[in-house]
C-alpha atoms as a PDB file:
ATOM      1  CA  MET A   1     -77.058 169.420  12.270  1.00  0.00           C
ATOM      2  CA  LEU A   2     -78.791 173.373  13.094  1.00  0.00           C
ATOM      3  CA  HIS A   3     -75.560 174.596  13.461  1.00  0.00           C
ATOM      4  CA  LEU A   4     -73.995 173.771  10.719  1.00  0.00           C
ATOM      5  CA  LEU A   5     -76.733 175.389   9.173  1.00  0.00           C
ATOM      6  CA  SER A   6     -76.473 178.728  10.755  1.00  0.00           C
ATOM      7  CA  GLN A   7     -72.830 178.604   9.972  1.00  0.00           C
ATOM      8  CA  MET A   8     -72.695 177.648   6.137  1.00  0.00           C
ATOM      9  CA  LEU A   9     -75.729 180.658   6.213  1.00  0.00           C
ATOM     10  CA  PRO A  10     -73.398 183.323   6.197  1.00  0.00           C
ATOM     11  CA  ALA A  11     -71.058 182.480   3.650  1.00  0.00           C
ATOM     12  CA  ILE A  12     -74.196 181.315   1.651  1.00  0.00           C
ATOM     13  CA  LEU A  13     -75.746 185.118   1.916  1.00  0.00           C
ATOM     14  CA  ASP A  14     -72.427 186.972   1.308  1.00  0.00           C
ATOM     15  CA  VAL A  15     -71.775 185.018  -2.566  1.00  0.00           C
ATOM     16  CA  VAL A  16     -72.556 188.073  -4.939  1.00  0.00           C
ATOM     17  CA  PRO A  17     -73.609 187.649  -8.104  1.00  0.00           C
ATOM     18  CA  ASN A  18     -72.055 189.405 -11.214  1.00  0.00           C
ATOM     19  CA  GLU A  19     -71.427 187.777 -14.885  1.00  0.00           C
ATOM     20  CA  PHE A  20     -69.791 185.051 -13.645  1.00  0.00           C
ATOM     21  CA  TYR A  21     -71.973 183.724 -11.808  1.00  0.00           C
ATOM     22  CA  ALA A  22     -74.924 183.951 -14.166  1.00  0.00           C
ATOM     23  CA  SER A  23     -72.486 182.186 -16.347  1.00  0.00           C
ATOM     24  CA  GLY A  24     -71.826 179.534 -14.775  1.00  0.00           C
ATOM     25  CA  LEU A  25     -75.701 178.966 -13.385  1.00  0.00           C
ATOM     26  CA  ALA A  26     -76.813 178.822 -17.182  1.00  0.00           C
ATOM     27  CA  TYR A  27     -74.156 176.361 -17.686  1.00  0.00           C
ATOM     28  CA  ILE A  28     -75.279 174.191 -15.307  1.00  0.00           C
ATOM     29  CA  GLY A  29     -78.807 174.453 -16.481  1.00  0.00           C
ATOM     30  CA  ALA A  30     -77.442 173.554 -20.548  1.00  0.00           C
ATOM     31  CA  GLY A  31     -76.200 170.440 -18.963  1.00  0.00           C
ATOM     32  CA  ILE A  32     -79.414 169.780 -16.860  1.00  0.00           C
ATOM     33  CA  ALA A  33     -81.384 170.348 -20.468  1.00  0.00           C
ATOM     34  CA  VAL A  34     -78.877 167.947 -22.042  1.00  0.00           C
ATOM     35  CA  PHE A  35     -79.880 164.678 -19.759  1.00  0.00           C
ATOM     36  CA  THR A  36     -83.229 165.079 -21.765  1.00  0.00           C
ATOM     37  CA  GLY A  37     -81.722 162.744 -24.739  1.00  0.00           C
ATOM     38  CA  PHE A  38     -81.620 160.213 -22.178  1.00  0.00           C
ATOM     39  CA  GLY A  39     -85.255 160.204 -21.480  1.00  0.00           C
ATOM     40  CA  THR A  40     -85.623 159.572 -25.563  1.00  0.00           C
ATOM     41  CA  GLY A  41     -82.996 156.962 -25.960  1.00  0.00           C
ATOM     42  CA  ILE A  42     -84.366 154.880 -23.068  1.00  0.00           C
ATOM     43  CA  GLY A  43     -88.537 155.442 -24.627  1.00  0.00           C
ATOM     44  CA  GLN A  44     -87.086 155.234 -28.310  1.00  0.00           C
ATOM     45  CA  GLY A  45     -85.501 151.931 -27.302  1.00  0.00           C
ATOM     46  CA  ILE A  46     -88.443 150.747 -26.215  1.00  0.00           C
ATOM     47  CA  ALA A  47     -90.749 151.674 -28.998  1.00  0.00           C
ATOM     48  CA  ALA A  48     -88.343 149.708 -31.349  1.00  0.00           C
ATOM     49  CA  SER A  49     -88.050 146.477 -29.173  1.00  0.00           C
ATOM     50  CA  LYS A  50     -92.009 146.493 -28.854  1.00  0.00           C
ATOM     51  CA  ALA A  51     -92.525 147.127 -32.665  1.00  0.00           C
ATOM     52  CA  VAL A  52     -90.511 144.283 -33.667  1.00  0.00           C
ATOM     53  CA  GLU A  53     -92.193 141.920 -30.893  1.00  0.00           C
ATOM     54  CA  ALA A  54     -95.647 143.120 -32.616  1.00  0.00           C
ATOM     55  CA  VAL A  55     -94.033 142.605 -36.025  1.00  0.00           C
ATOM     56  CA  GLY A  56     -92.904 138.949 -35.248  1.00  0.00           C
ATOM     57  CA  ARG A  57     -96.400 138.345 -33.923  1.00  0.00           C
ATOM     58  CA  GLN A  58     -98.197 139.698 -37.163  1.00  0.00           C
ATOM     59  CA  PRO A  59     -96.160 139.615 -40.565  1.00  0.00           C
ATOM     60  CA  GLU A  60     -98.391 141.185 -42.642  1.00  0.00           C
ATOM     61  CA  ALA A  61     -98.959 144.054 -40.017  1.00  0.00           C
ATOM     62  CA  SER A  62     -95.615 145.193 -40.756  1.00  0.00           C
ATOM     63  CA  GLY A  63     -96.248 148.398 -42.541  1.00  0.00           C
ATOM     64  CA  LYS A  64     -98.221 149.952 -40.279  1.00  0.00           C
ATOM     65  CA  ILE A  65     -96.512 148.760 -37.400  1.00  0.00           C
ATOM     66  CA  THR A  66     -93.370 150.552 -38.988  1.00  0.00           C
ATOM     67  CA  THR A  67     -94.951 153.794 -39.411  1.00  0.00           C
ATOM     68  CA  THR A  68     -97.063 153.940 -35.963  1.00  0.00           C
ATOM     69  CA  MET A  69     -93.791 153.581 -34.895  1.00  0.00           C
ATOM     70  CA  ILE A  70     -91.838 155.945 -37.084  1.00  0.00           C
ATOM     71  CA  ILE A  71     -94.379 158.577 -36.256  1.00  0.00           C
ATOM     72  CA  GLY A  72     -94.334 157.793 -32.385  1.00  0.00           C
ATOM     73  CA  GLN A  73     -90.197 157.830 -32.384  1.00  0.00           C
ATOM     74  CA  ALA A  74     -90.093 161.195 -34.563  1.00  0.00           C
ATOM     75  CA  VAL A  75     -92.624 162.587 -31.548  1.00  0.00           C
ATOM     76  CA  ALA A  76     -90.016 160.982 -28.682  1.00  0.00           C
ATOM     77  CA  GLU A  77     -87.080 162.657 -30.578  1.00  0.00           C
ATOM     78  CA  THR A  78     -88.322 166.461 -30.650  1.00  0.00           C
ATOM     79  CA  THR A  79     -88.173 166.520 -26.941  1.00  0.00           C
ATOM     80  CA  GLY A  80     -84.615 165.120 -26.971  1.00  0.00           C
ATOM     81  CA  LEU A  81     -84.284 168.102 -29.630  1.00  0.00           C
ATOM     82  CA  TYR A  82     -85.929 170.875 -27.433  1.00  0.00           C
ATOM     83  CA  GLY A  83     -83.534 169.918 -24.080  1.00  0.00           C
ATOM     84  CA  LEU A  84     -80.541 170.536 -26.947  1.00  0.00           C
ATOM     85  CA  LEU A  85     -81.872 173.789 -28.162  1.00  0.00           C
ATOM     86  CA  ILE A  86     -82.391 175.245 -24.689  1.00  0.00           C
ATOM     87  CA  ALA A  87     -78.854 173.231 -23.917  1.00  0.00           C
ATOM     88  CA  PHE A  88     -77.706 175.992 -26.832  1.00  0.00           C
ATOM     89  CA  ILE A  89     -79.466 179.116 -25.658  1.00  0.00           C
ATOM     90  CA  LEU A  90     -78.862 178.731 -22.725  1.00  0.00           C
ATOM     91  CA  ILE A  91     -74.814 178.462 -23.232  1.00  0.00           C
ATOM     92  CA  ASN A  92     -75.190 181.787 -25.824  1.00  0.00           C
ATOM     93  CA  LYS A  93     -76.339 183.434 -23.205  1.00  0.00           C
END
């Protein structure tokens, strides 16, 4: 393993950062930033599921439960929007 690494190290160090290198890294970063949408979707799905369960148990409190769920989902959605915003910023550099 160490021998293989010592053979690869000169090739890694020969990389010359230029405008294409920086652009490629920006696109990789934008792709990673878009993955925040997965966490947002999972979180919102769980919140909606728990809200439906709560309304099923206490139908008379559905107004309060729905309001709380919508506020919570709005906060969770901002995470996905921030990730998308960062992706757009990185792509336009």
